[in-house]
């Protein structure tokens, strides 16, 4: 994230104010409990028999709640990516 501004006063009745900014994000979220098998007892798992035995597909399984639009757990892919996306602003006031 970057921002900058510049103000110039050529005389007592004029002021020029320039502002600019850039915000950019590219982020990847990984699953921290991916090595846990859900059917194993705590702390090696969650005590939930899901039928998964391969550690590559471990972690808290996706749990959906009807009144909630999201989900709990890692999801289907195990990781999420956000971006790249950004915003650029430029304003000049005289």
Protein backbone atom coordinates (compact mmCIF):
# COMPACT_ATOMS: atom_id res chain seq x y z
CA UNK A 1 0.00 0.00 0.00
CA UNK A 2 1.42 3.36 -1.04
CA UNK A 3 0.05 6.90 -0.68
CA UNK A 4 1.35 10.34 -1.40
CA UNK A 5 0.18 13.94 -1.47
CA UNK A 6 1.44 17.31 -2.64
CA UNK A 7 0.03 20.75 -1.79
CA UNK A 8 1.01 23.89 -3.67
CA UNK A 9 -0.12 27.42 -2.79
CA UNK A 10 0.79 29.81 -5.64
CA UNK A 11 -0.90 32.77 -3.92
CA UNK A 12 -3.28 33.59 -1.06
CA UNK A 13 -6.44 32.67 -3.04
CA UNK A 14 -5.34 29.46 -4.83
CA UNK A 15 -4.46 26.06 -3.38
CA UNK A 16 -3.71 22.95 -5.43
CA UNK A 17 -3.92 19.67 -3.50
CA UNK A 18 -2.94 16.42 -5.27
CA UNK A 19 -3.30 12.98 -3.67
CA UNK A 20 -2.58 9.52 -5.06
CA UNK A 21 -2.65 6.02 -3.63
CA UNK A 22 -2.19 2.39 -4.60
CA UNK A 23 -3.41 -0.69 -2.72
CA UNK A 24 -2.50 -4.17 -4.01
CA UNK A 25 -2.97 -7.68 -2.60
CA UNK A 26 -1.93 -11.16 -3.70
CA UNK A 27 -2.25 -13.66 -0.87
CA UNK A 28 -2.39 -17.43 -0.46
CA UNK A 29 -3.84 -19.09 2.63
CA UNK A 30 -2.77 -22.64 3.41
CA UNK A 31 -4.30 -25.22 5.74
CA UNK A 32 -2.33 -25.51 8.98
CA UNK A 33 -3.98 -28.74 10.15
CA UNK A 34 -3.68 -30.57 6.83
CA UNK A 35 -1.56 -33.32 8.38
CA UNK A 36 -4.27 -34.26 10.91
CA UNK A 37 -6.64 -37.11 10.13
CA UNK A 38 -10.12 -36.08 11.28
CA UNK A 39 -10.98 -39.53 12.68
CA UNK A 40 -7.97 -39.61 15.05
CA UNK A 41 -8.58 -38.50 18.65
CA UNK A 42 -7.53 -35.02 19.77
CA UNK A 43 -4.78 -33.62 19.47
CA UNK A 44 -3.83 -35.73 16.42
CA UNK A 45 -7.32 -35.26 14.91
CA UNK A 46 -10.88 -34.22 15.73
CA UNK A 47 -12.61 -37.52 16.60
CA UNK A 48 -14.88 -37.26 13.52
CA UNK A 49 -15.12 -40.42 11.40
CA UNK A 50 -15.07 -39.04 7.85
CA UNK A 51 -13.52 -42.08 6.13
CA UNK A 52 -10.39 -40.14 5.16
CA UNK A 53 -7.17 -42.05 5.91
CA UNK A 54 -4.70 -40.30 3.59
CA UNK A 55 -2.81 -37.44 5.34
CA UNK A 56 -2.74 -35.51 2.05
CA UNK A 57 -6.49 -34.93 2.47
CA UNK A 58 -6.42 -34.29 6.22
CA UNK A 59 -7.64 -31.33 8.23
CA UNK A 60 -11.00 -30.23 9.52
CA UNK A 61 -13.61 -31.29 6.94
CA UNK A 62 -15.99 -28.78 5.39
CA UNK A 63 -18.94 -28.16 7.69
CA UNK A 64 -21.91 -26.22 6.31
CA UNK A 65 -24.65 -24.60 8.36
CA UNK A 66 -27.91 -23.78 6.54
CA UNK A 67 -28.34 -20.31 8.03
CA UNK A 68 -24.67 -19.42 7.34
CA UNK A 69 -23.51 -18.68 3.78
CA UNK A 70 -19.90 -19.77 4.30
CA UNK A 71 -18.42 -22.97 5.64
CA UNK A 72 -16.13 -24.14 8.43
CA UNK A 73 -13.02 -26.16 7.71
CA UNK A 74 -10.52 -26.17 4.90
CA UNK A 75 -12.95 -26.49 2.03
CA UNK A 76 -12.66 -28.67 -1.02
CA UNK A 77 -9.26 -27.48 -2.24
CA UNK A 78 -7.46 -27.08 1.10
CA UNK A 79 -6.04 -23.64 0.25
CA UNK A 80 -7.41 -20.35 -0.98
CA UNK A 81 -5.89 -17.60 -3.06
CA UNK A 82 -6.87 -13.95 -2.96
CA UNK A 83 -5.85 -11.66 -5.77
CA UNK A 84 -4.03 -10.35 -7.48
CA UNK A 85 -6.25 -7.32 -7.20
CA UNK A 86 -5.71 -3.69 -6.50
CA UNK A 87 -6.99 -0.16 -6.46
CA UNK A 88 -5.44 3.08 -7.73
CA UNK A 89 -6.79 6.50 -6.73
CA UNK A 90 -5.84 9.95 -7.99
CA UNK A 91 -7.47 13.20 -6.85
CA UNK A 92 -6.56 16.78 -7.78
CA UNK A 93 -8.39 19.63 -6.05
CA UNK A 94 -7.84 23.30 -6.94
